[in-house]
């Protein structure tokens, strides 16, 4: 069953964030991740709007999504994201 890493990212330092954004696809794609949404237009239909960009990454299954997040390659670039933004990340099972 597919799984998704969903992030809400409020960029606080756009110049520093570019470094992370430039490295992320090179880590995500080899881990089996496919970007479905990456900082495009967000239209709020109900509730509070997100404070920043939304990213949705699809993985083959929950194990691969976890392996991506906890893997050394992504763990090495997390500090770049955290230094240049605030946000929330979620791991979500796909529909059965």
PDB file of N, CA and C in Angstrom:
ATOM      1  N   UNK A   1       0.842  -1.172   0.000  1.00  0.00           N
ATOM      2  CA  UNK A   1       0.000   0.000   0.000  1.00  0.00           C
ATOM      3  C   UNK A   1       0.895   1.245   0.000  1.00  0.00           C
ATOM      4  N   UNK A   2       0.524   2.224  -0.790  1.00  0.00           N
ATOM      5  CA  UNK A   2       1.326   3.441  -0.850  1.00  0.00           C
ATOM      6  C   UNK A   2       1.329   4.164   0.493  1.00  0.00           C
ATOM      7  N   UNK A   3       2.323   5.005   0.652  1.00  0.00           N
ATOM      8  CA  UNK A   3       2.441   5.847   1.842  1.00  0.00           C
ATOM      9  C   UNK A   3       2.966   7.197   1.391  1.00  0.00           C
ATOM     10  N   UNK A   4       2.703   8.208   2.198  1.00  0.00           N
ATOM     11  CA  UNK A   4       3.059   9.574   1.831  1.00  0.00           C
ATOM     12  C   UNK A   4       3.779  10.274   2.966  1.00  0.00           C
ATOM     13  N   UNK A   5       4.792  11.030   2.607  1.00  0.00           N
ATOM     14  CA  UNK A   5       5.394  11.977   3.524  1.00  0.00           C
ATOM     15  C   UNK A   5       4.789  13.318   3.130  1.00  0.00           C
ATOM     16  N   UNK A   6       4.139  13.964   4.087  1.00  0.00           N
ATOM     17  CA  UNK A   6       3.487  15.247   3.846  1.00  0.00           C
ATOM     18  C   UNK A   6       4.136  16.268   4.767  1.00  0.00           C
ATOM     19  N   UNK A   7       4.546  17.373   4.188  1.00  0.00           N
ATOM     20  CA  UNK A   7       5.221  18.412   4.959  1.00  0.00           C
ATOM     21  C   UNK A   7       4.526  19.750   4.771  1.00  0.00           C
ATOM     22  N   UNK A   8       4.438  20.482   5.859  1.00  0.00           N
ATOM     23  CA  UNK A   8       4.016  21.873   5.832  1.00  0.00           C
ATOM     24  C   UNK A   8       5.251  22.665   6.255  1.00  0.00           C
ATOM     25  N   UNK A   9       5.757  23.494   5.367  1.00  0.00           N
ATOM     26  CA  UNK A   9       7.039  24.146   5.593  1.00  0.00           C
ATOM     27  C   UNK A   9       6.887  25.663   5.478  1.00  0.00           C
ATOM     28  N   UNK A  10       7.208  26.356   6.554  1.00  0.00           N
ATOM     29  CA  UNK A  10       7.210  27.813   6.581  1.00  0.00           C
ATOM     30  C   UNK A  10       8.670  28.253   6.499  1.00  0.00           C
ATOM     31  N   UNK A  11       9.080  28.719   5.336  1.00  0.00           N
ATOM     32  CA  UNK A  11      10.471  29.098   5.111  1.00  0.00           C
ATOM     33  C   UNK A  11      10.758  30.420   5.816  1.00  0.00           C
ATOM     34  N   UNK A  12      11.753  30.408   6.682  1.00  0.00           N
ATOM     35  CA  UNK A  12      12.134  31.609   7.433  1.00  0.00           C
ATOM     36  C   UNK A  12      13.393  32.274   6.864  1.00  0.00           C
ATOM     37  N   UNK A  13      14.175  31.516   6.108  1.00  0.00           N
ATOM     38  CA  UNK A  13      15.388  32.039   5.478  1.00  0.00           C
ATOM     39  C   UNK A  13      15.449  31.495   4.052  1.00  0.00           C
ATOM     40  N   UNK A  14      14.850  32.215   3.095  1.00  0.00           N
ATOM     41  CA  UNK A  14      14.758  31.706   1.726  1.00  0.00           C
ATOM     42  C   UNK A  14      16.109  31.369   1.088  1.00  0.00           C
ATOM     43  N   UNK A  15      17.118  32.170   1.330  1.00  0.00           N
ATOM     44  CA  UNK A  15      18.428  31.885   0.724  1.00  0.00           C
ATOM     45  C   UNK A  15      19.020  30.590   1.269  1.00  0.00           C
ATOM     46  N   UNK A  16      18.966  30.403   2.569  1.00  0.00           N
ATOM     47  CA  UNK A  16      19.487  29.168   3.166  1.00  0.00           C
ATOM     48  C   UNK A  16      18.639  27.965   2.762  1.00  0.00           C
ATOM     49  N   UNK A  17      17.337  28.162   2.603  1.00  0.00           N
ATOM     50  CA  UNK A  17      16.445  27.056   2.234  1.00  0.00           C
ATOM     51  C   UNK A  17      16.759  26.530   0.833  1.00  0.00           C
ATOM     52  N   UNK A  18      17.274  27.381  -0.027  1.00  0.00           N
ATOM     53  CA  UNK A  18      17.624  26.949  -1.384  1.00  0.00           C
ATOM     54  C   UNK A  18      18.632  25.804  -1.363  1.00  0.00           C
ATOM     55  N   UNK A  19      19.530  25.814  -0.405  1.00  0.00           N
ATOM     56  CA  UNK A  19      20.515  24.740  -0.292  1.00  0.00           C
ATOM     57  C   UNK A  19      19.817  23.413  -0.022  1.00  0.00           C
ATOM     58  N   UNK A  20      18.885  23.418   0.933  1.00  0.00           N
ATOM     59  CA  UNK A  20      18.120  22.201   1.229  1.00  0.00           C
ATOM     60  C   UNK A  20      17.292  21.779   0.009  1.00  0.00           C
ATOM     61  N   UNK A  21      16.567  22.719  -0.569  1.00  0.00           N
ATOM     62  CA  UNK A  21      15.687  22.419  -1.700  1.00  0.00           C
ATOM     63  C   UNK A  21      16.468  21.863  -2.887  1.00  0.00           C
ATOM     64  N   UNK A  22      17.692  22.291  -3.038  1.00  0.00           N
ATOM     65  CA  UNK A  22      18.524  21.766  -4.116  1.00  0.00           C
ATOM     66  C   UNK A  22      19.007  20.350  -3.878  1.00  0.00           C
ATOM     67  N   UNK A  23      19.152  19.978  -2.620  1.00  0.00           N
ATOM     68  CA  UNK A  23      19.638  18.639  -2.278  1.00  0.00           C
ATOM     69  C   UNK A  23      18.514  17.606  -2.121  1.00  0.00           C
ATOM     70  N   UNK A  24      17.339  18.041  -1.729  1.00  0.00           N
ATOM     71  CA  UNK A  24      16.255  17.114  -1.385  1.00  0.00           C
ATOM     72  C   UNK A  24      15.873  16.142  -2.516  1.00  0.00           C
ATOM     73  N   UNK A  25      15.691  16.590  -3.762  1.00  0.00           N
ATOM     74  CA  UNK A  25      15.319  15.627  -4.800  1.00  0.00           C
ATOM     75  C   UNK A  25      16.365  14.537  -5.012  1.00  0.00           C
ATOM     76  N   UNK A  26      17.638  14.886  -4.876  1.00  0.00           N
ATOM     77  CA  UNK A  26      18.704  13.900  -5.045  1.00  0.00           C
ATOM     78  C   UNK A  26      18.735  12.851  -3.950  1.00  0.00           C
ATOM     79  N   UNK A  27      18.065  13.117  -2.853  1.00  0.00           N
ATOM     80  CA  UNK A  27      17.951  12.158  -1.750  1.00  0.00           C
ATOM     81  C   UNK A  27      16.618  11.422  -1.839  1.00  0.00           C
ATOM     82  N   UNK A  28      15.570  12.143  -2.174  1.00  0.00           N
ATOM     83  CA  UNK A  28      14.212  11.591  -2.198  1.00  0.00           C
ATOM     84  C   UNK A  28      14.028  10.574  -3.314  1.00  0.00           C
ATOM     85  N   UNK A  29      14.413  10.930  -4.513  1.00  0.00           N
ATOM     86  CA  UNK A  29      14.164  10.063  -5.667  1.00  0.00           C
ATOM     87  C   UNK A  29      14.922   8.731  -5.597  1.00  0.00           C
ATOM     88  N   UNK A  30      16.197   8.700  -5.224  1.00  0.00           N
ATOM     89  CA  UNK A  30      16.869   7.411  -5.093  1.00  0.00           C
ATOM     90  C   UNK A  30      16.263   6.517  -4.006  1.00  0.00           C
ATOM     91  N   UNK A  31      15.572   7.124  -3.044  1.00  0.00           N
ATOM     92  CA  UNK A  31      14.920   6.352  -1.976  1.00  0.00           C
ATOM     93  C   UNK A  31      13.542   5.852  -2.412  1.00  0.00           C
ATOM     94  N   UNK A  32      13.168   6.128  -3.653  1.00  0.00           N
ATOM     95  CA  UNK A  32      11.883   5.655  -4.162  1.00  0.00           C
ATOM     96  C   UNK A  32      10.759   6.662  -4.032  1.00  0.00           C
ATOM     97  N   UNK A  33      11.062   7.884  -3.629  1.00  0.00           N
ATOM     98  CA  UNK A  33      10.033   8.902  -3.456  1.00  0.00           C
ATOM     99  C   UNK A  33       9.699   9.603  -4.753  1.00  0.00           C
ATOM    100  N   UNK A  34       8.429   9.922  -4.912  1.00  0.00           N
ATOM    101  CA  UNK A  34       7.945  10.647  -6.087  1.00  0.00           C
ATOM    102  C   UNK A  34       7.190  11.876  -5.590  1.00  0.00           C
ATOM    103  N   UNK A  35       7.666  13.049  -5.989  1.00  0.00           N
ATOM    104  CA  UNK A  35       6.982  14.280  -5.587  1.00  0.00           C
ATOM    105  C   UNK A  35       5.634  14.374  -6.290  1.00  0.00           C
ATOM    106  N   UNK A  36       4.576  14.531  -5.506  1.00  0.00           N
ATOM    107  CA  UNK A  36       3.244  14.756  -6.055  1.00  0.00           C
ATOM    108  C   UNK A  36       2.872  16.223  -5.959  1.00  0.00           C
ATOM    109  N   UNK A  37       3.390  16.895  -4.958  1.00  0.00           N
ATOM    110  CA  UNK A  37       3.197  18.338  -4.792  1.00  0.00           C
ATOM    111  C   UNK A  37       4.455  18.871  -4.141  1.00  0.00           C
ATOM    112  N   UNK A  38       4.907  20.014  -4.643  1.00  0.00           N
ATOM    113  CA  UNK A  38       6.133  20.589  -4.085  1.00  0.00           C
ATOM    114  C   UNK A  38       6.057  22.103  -4.181  1.00  0.00           C
ATOM    115  N   UNK A  39       5.475  22.700  -3.149  1.00  0.00           N
ATOM    116  CA  UNK A  39       5.455  24.149  -3.000  1.00  0.00           C
ATOM    117  C   UNK A  39       4.665  24.873  -4.074  1.00  0.00           C
ATOM    118  N   UNK A  40       3.655  24.237  -4.621  1.00  0.00           N
ATOM    119  CA  UNK A  40       2.795  24.903  -5.589  1.00  0.00           C
ATOM    120  C   UNK A  40       1.721  25.726  -4.893  1.00  0.00           C
ATOM    121  N   UNK A  41       0.775  26.184  -5.666  1.00  0.00           N
ATOM    122  CA  UNK A  41      -0.343  26.985  -5.155  1.00  0.00           C
ATOM    123  C   UNK A  41      -1.181  26.141  -4.185  1.00  0.00           C
ATOM    124  N   UNK A  42      -1.555  26.715  -3.055  1.00  0.00           N
ATOM    125  CA  UNK A  42      -2.426  26.059  -2.079  1.00  0.00           C
ATOM    126  C   UNK A  42      -3.687  26.907  -1.939  1.00  0.00           C
ATOM    127  N   UNK A  43      -4.812  26.282  -2.113  1.00  0.00           N
ATOM    128  CA  UNK A  43      -6.101  26.961  -1.941  1.00  0.00           C
ATOM    129  C   UNK A  43      -6.780  26.344  -0.726  1.00  0.00           C
ATOM    130  N   UNK A  44      -7.017  27.140   0.290  1.00  0.00           N
ATOM    131  CA  UNK A  44      -7.647  26.653   1.513  1.00  0.00           C
ATOM    132  C   UNK A  44      -9.157  26.588   1.311  1.00  0.00           C
ATOM    133  N   UNK A  45      -9.723  25.423   1.532  1.00  0.00           N
ATOM    134  CA  UNK A  45     -11.166  25.241   1.394  1.00  0.00           C
ATOM    135  C   UNK A  45     -11.880  25.298   2.732  1.00  0.00           C
ATOM    136  N   UNK A  46     -11.223  24.848   3.784  1.00  0.00           N
ATOM    137  CA  UNK A  46     -11.792  24.887   5.135  1.00  0.00           C
ATOM    138  C   UNK A  46     -10.661  25.053   6.133  1.00  0.00           C
ATOM    139  N   UNK A  47     -10.944  25.678   7.244  1.00  0.00           N
ATOM    140  CA  UNK A  47      -9.967  25.819   8.321  1.00  0.00           C
ATOM    141  C   UNK A  47      -8.903  26.856   8.022  1.00  0.00           C
ATOM    142  N   UNK A  48      -7.869  26.823   8.845  1.00  0.00           N
ATOM    143  CA  UNK A  48      -6.765  27.767   8.727  1.00  0.00           C
ATOM    144  C   UNK A  48      -5.874  27.388   7.547  1.00  0.00           C
ATOM    145  N   UNK A  49      -5.399  28.353   6.803  1.00  0.00           N
ATOM    146  CA  UNK A  49      -4.469  28.033   5.716  1.00  0.00           C
ATOM    147  C   UNK A  49      -3.116  27.613   6.278  1.00  0.00           C
ATOM    148  N   UNK A  50      -2.357  26.837   5.517  1.00  0.00           N
ATOM    149  CA  UNK A  50      -1.010  26.494   5.976  1.00  0.00           C
ATOM    150  C   UNK A  50      -0.160  27.751   6.047  1.00  0.00           C
ATOM    151  N   UNK A  51       0.847  27.726   6.893  1.00  0.00           N
ATOM    152  CA  UNK A  51       1.714  28.894   7.070  1.00  0.00           C
ATOM    153  C   UNK A  51       2.781  28.979   5.992  1.00  0.00           C
ATOM    154  N   UNK A  52       2.901  27.957   5.189  1.00  0.00           N
ATOM    155  CA  UNK A  52       3.940  27.956   4.157  1.00  0.00           C
ATOM    156  C   UNK A  52       3.598  27.008   3.043  1.00  0.00           C
ATOM    157  N   UNK A  53       4.624  26.416   2.507  1.00  0.00           N
ATOM    158  CA  UNK A  53       4.459  25.506   1.381  1.00  0.00           C
ATOM    159  C   UNK A  53       4.074  24.106   1.845  1.00  0.00           C
ATOM    160  N   UNK A  54       3.430  23.366   0.953  1.00  0.00           N
ATOM    161  CA  UNK A  54       3.043  21.985   1.213  1.00  0.00           C
ATOM    162  C   UNK A  54       3.818  21.088   0.251  1.00  0.00           C
ATOM    163  N   UNK A  55       4.348  20.005   0.780  1.00  0.00           N
ATOM    164  CA  UNK A  55       5.068  19.030  -0.025  1.00  0.00           C
ATOM    165  C   UNK A  55       4.436  17.664   0.234  1.00  0.00           C
ATOM    166  N   UNK A  56       4.163  16.926  -0.849  1.00  0.00           N
ATOM    167  CA  UNK A  56       3.625  15.572  -0.740  1.00  0.00           C
ATOM    168  C   UNK A  56       4.533  14.664  -1.556  1.00  0.00           C
ATOM    169  N   UNK A  57       5.071  13.644  -0.889  1.00  0.00           N
ATOM    170  CA  UNK A  57       5.971  12.691  -1.539  1.00  0.00           C
ATOM    171  C   UNK A  57       5.358  11.303  -1.395  1.00  0.00           C
ATOM    172  N   UNK A  58       5.206  10.606  -2.504  1.00  0.00           N
ATOM    173  CA  UNK A  58       4.625   9.261  -2.505  1.00  0.00           C
ATOM    174  C   UNK A  58       5.730   8.213  -2.479  1.00  0.00           C
ATOM    175  N   UNK A  59       5.503   7.179  -1.676  1.00  0.00           N
ATOM    176  CA  UNK A  59       6.408   6.031  -1.610  1.00  0.00           C
ATOM    177  C   UNK A  59       5.604   4.760  -1.844  1.00  0.00           C
ATOM    178  N   UNK A  60       6.289   3.723  -2.246  1.00  0.00           N
ATOM    179  CA  UNK A  60       5.647   2.438  -2.535  1.00  0.00           C
ATOM    180  C   UNK A  60       4.900   1.889  -1.323  1.00  0.00           C
ATOM    181  N   UNK A  61       5.493   2.073  -0.142  1.00  0.00           N
ATOM    182  CA  UNK A  61       4.854   1.579   1.077  1.00  0.00           C
ATOM    183  C   UNK A  61       5.422   2.329   2.287  1.00  0.00           C
ATOM    184  N   UNK A  62       4.845   2.033   3.444  1.00  0.00           N
ATOM    185  CA  UNK A  62       5.233   2.698   4.681  1.00  0.00           C
ATOM    186  C   UNK A  62       6.698   2.437   5.031  1.00  0.00           C
ATOM    187  N   UNK A  63       7.162   1.230   4.793  1.00  0.00           N
ATOM    188  CA  UNK A  63       8.556   0.892   5.104  1.00  0.00           C
ATOM    189  C   UNK A  63       9.531   1.742   4.307  1.00  0.00           C
ATOM    190  N   UNK A  64       9.233   1.944   3.025  1.00  0.00           N
ATOM    191  CA  UNK A  64      10.135   2.753   2.194  1.00  0.00           C
ATOM    192  C   UNK A  64      10.087   4.223   2.595  1.00  0.00           C
ATOM    193  N   UNK A  65       8.924   4.687   2.991  1.00  0.00           N
ATOM    194  CA  UNK A  65       8.805   6.079   3.446  1.00  0.00           C
ATOM    195  C   UNK A  65       9.599   6.280   4.726  1.00  0.00           C
ATOM    196  N   UNK A  66       9.499   5.336   5.644  1.00  0.00           N
ATOM    197  CA  UNK A  66      10.270   5.423   6.890  1.00  0.00           C
ATOM    198  C   UNK A  66      11.766   5.328   6.609  1.00  0.00           C
ATOM    199  N   UNK A  67      12.123   4.391   5.718  1.00  0.00           N
ATOM    200  CA  UNK A  67      13.545   4.220   5.379  1.00  0.00           C
ATOM    201  C   UNK A  67      14.115   5.505   4.780  1.00  0.00           C
ATOM    202  N   UNK A  68      13.324   6.197   3.972  1.00  0.00           N
ATOM    203  CA  UNK A  68      13.755   7.488   3.429  1.00  0.00           C
ATOM    204  C   UNK A  68      14.006   8.470   4.568  1.00  0.00           C
ATOM    205  N   UNK A  69      13.011   8.661   5.421  1.00  0.00           N
ATOM    206  CA  UNK A  69      13.123   9.683   6.466  1.00  0.00           C
ATOM    207  C   UNK A  69      14.264   9.380   7.434  1.00  0.00           C
ATOM    208  N   UNK A  70      14.363   8.143   7.873  1.00  0.00           N
ATOM    209  CA  UNK A  70      15.377   7.787   8.866  1.00  0.00           C
ATOM    210  C   UNK A  70      16.731   7.425   8.251  1.00  0.00           C
ATOM    211  N   UNK A  71      16.791   7.358   6.934  1.00  0.00           N
ATOM    212  CA  UNK A  71      18.041   7.019   6.261  1.00  0.00           C
ATOM    213  C   UNK A  71      19.092   8.110   6.418  1.00  0.00           C
ATOM    214  N   UNK A  72      20.340   7.714   6.347  1.00  0.00           N
ATOM    215  CA  UNK A  72      21.450   8.654   6.541  1.00  0.00           C
ATOM    216  C   UNK A  72      21.396   9.816   5.560  1.00  0.00           C
ATOM    217  N   UNK A  73      21.074   9.559   4.309  1.00  0.00           N
ATOM    218  CA  UNK A  73      21.093  10.625   3.297  1.00  0.00           C
ATOM    219  C   UNK A  73      20.130  11.749   3.663  1.00  0.00           C
ATOM    220  N   UNK A  74      18.916  11.402   4.101  1.00  0.00           N
ATOM    221  CA  UNK A  74      17.966  12.454   4.457  1.00  0.00           C
ATOM    222  C   UNK A  74      18.299  13.050   5.824  1.00  0.00           C
ATOM    223  N   UNK A  75      18.698  12.220   6.762  1.00  0.00           N
ATOM    224  CA  UNK A  75      19.070  12.738   8.081  1.00  0.00           C
ATOM    225  C   UNK A  75      20.199  13.762   7.969  1.00  0.00           C
ATOM    226  N   UNK A  76      21.083  13.575   6.991  1.00  0.00           N
ATOM    227  CA  UNK A  76      22.191  14.515   6.801  1.00  0.00           C
ATOM    228  C   UNK A  76      21.724  15.899   6.348  1.00  0.00           C
ATOM    229  N   UNK A  77      20.577  15.986   5.639  1.00  0.00           N
ATOM    230  CA  UNK A  77      20.137  17.300   5.161  1.00  0.00           C
ATOM    231  C   UNK A  77      19.004  17.911   5.996  1.00  0.00           C
ATOM    232  N   UNK A  78      18.469  17.161   6.930  1.00  0.00           N
ATOM    233  CA  UNK A  78      17.422  17.718   7.805  1.00  0.00           C
ATOM    234  C   UNK A  78      17.887  18.996   8.505  1.00  0.00           C
ATOM    235  N   UNK A  79      19.100  19.056   9.037  1.00  0.00           N
ATOM    236  CA  UNK A  79      19.522  20.305   9.690  1.00  0.00           C
ATOM    237  C   UNK A  79      19.467  21.529   8.768  1.00  0.00           C
ATOM    238  N   UNK A  80      19.688  21.334   7.470  1.00  0.00           N
ATOM    239  CA  UNK A  80      19.578  22.452   6.526  1.00  0.00           C
ATOM    240  C   UNK A  80      18.146  22.980   6.484  1.00  0.00           C
ATOM    241  N   UNK A  81      17.178  22.052   6.431  1.00  0.00           N
ATOM    242  CA  UNK A  81      15.762  22.446   6.407  1.00  0.00           C
ATOM    243  C   UNK A  81      15.374  23.115   7.717  1.00  0.00           C
ATOM    244  N   UNK A  82      15.763  22.507   8.817  1.00  0.00           N
ATOM    245  CA  UNK A  82      15.367  23.032  10.119  1.00  0.00           C
ATOM    246  C   UNK A  82      15.995  24.385  10.422  1.00  0.00           C
ATOM    247  N   UNK A  83      17.183  24.651   9.898  1.00  0.00           N
ATOM    248  CA  UNK A  83      17.831  25.942  10.124  1.00  0.00           C
ATOM    249  C   UNK A  83      17.176  27.060   9.306  1.00  0.00           C
ATOM    250  N   UNK A  84      16.503  26.692   8.216  1.00  0.00           N
ATOM    251  CA  UNK A  84      15.953  27.696   7.307  1.00  0.00           C
ATOM    252  C   UNK A  84      14.429  27.738   7.292  1.00  0.00           C
ATOM    253  N   UNK A  85      13.802  26.916   8.135  1.00  0.00           N
ATOM    254  CA  UNK A  85      12.338  26.869   8.116  1.00  0.00           C
ATOM    255  C   UNK A  85      11.803  26.284   9.415  1.00  0.00           C
ATOM    256  N   UNK A  86      10.488  26.433   9.568  1.00  0.00           N
ATOM    257  CA  UNK A  86       9.755  25.767  10.638  1.00  0.00           C
ATOM    258  C   UNK A  86       8.691  24.947   9.940  1.00  0.00           C
ATOM    259  N   UNK A  87       8.314  23.845  10.530  1.00  0.00           N
ATOM    260  CA  UNK A  87       7.293  23.066   9.846  1.00  0.00           C
ATOM    261  C   UNK A  87       6.890  21.814  10.587  1.00  0.00           C
ATOM    262  N   UNK A  88       6.074  21.050   9.873  1.00  0.00           N
ATOM    263  CA  UNK A  88       5.582  19.774  10.396  1.00  0.00           C
ATOM    264  C   UNK A  88       5.682  18.745   9.280  1.00  0.00           C
ATOM    265  N   UNK A  89       6.060  17.523   9.633  1.00  0.00           N
ATOM    266  CA  UNK A  89       6.105  16.420   8.683  1.00  0.00           C
ATOM    267  C   UNK A  89       5.242  15.296   9.202  1.00  0.00           C
ATOM    268  N   UNK A  90       4.541  14.646   8.276  1.00  0.00           N
ATOM    269  CA  UNK A  90       3.651  13.549   8.624  1.00  0.00           C
ATOM    270  C   UNK A  90       3.939  12.372   7.709  1.00  0.00           C
ATOM    271  N   UNK A  91       3.775  11.185   8.233  1.00  0.00           N
ATOM    272  CA  UNK A  91       3.829   9.958   7.448  1.00  0.00           C
ATOM    273  C   UNK A  91       2.423   9.401   7.444  1.00  0.00           C
ATOM    274  N   UNK A  92       1.835   9.217   6.258  1.00  0.00           N
ATOM    275  CA  UNK A  92       0.427   8.839   6.134  1.00  0.00           C
ATOM    276  C   UNK A  92       0.299   7.615   5.241  1.00  0.00           C
ATOM    277  N   UNK A  93      -0.459   6.607   5.705  1.00  0.00           N
ATOM    278  CA  UNK A  93      -0.782   5.446   4.877  1.00  0.00           C
ATOM    279  C   UNK A  93      -1.710   5.860   3.750  1.00  0.00           C
ATOM    280  N   UNK A  94      -1.527   5.239   2.586  1.00  0.00           N
ATOM    281  CA  UNK A  94      -2.442   5.458   1.473  1.00  0.00           C
ATOM    282  C   UNK A  94      -3.754   4.718   1.728  1.00  0.00           C
ATOM    283  N   UNK A  95      -4.759   5.022   0.928  1.00  0.00           N
ATOM    284  CA  UNK A  95      -6.063   4.380   1.055  1.00  0.00           C
ATOM    285  C   UNK A  95      -5.976   2.930   0.582  1.00  0.00           C
ATOM    286  N   UNK A  96      -6.737   2.083   1.228  1.00  0.00           N
ATOM    287  CA  UNK A  96      -6.773   0.656   0.847  1.00  0.00           C
ATOM    288  C   UNK A  96      -7.742   0.444  -0.276  1.00  0.00           C
TER     289      UNK A  96
END
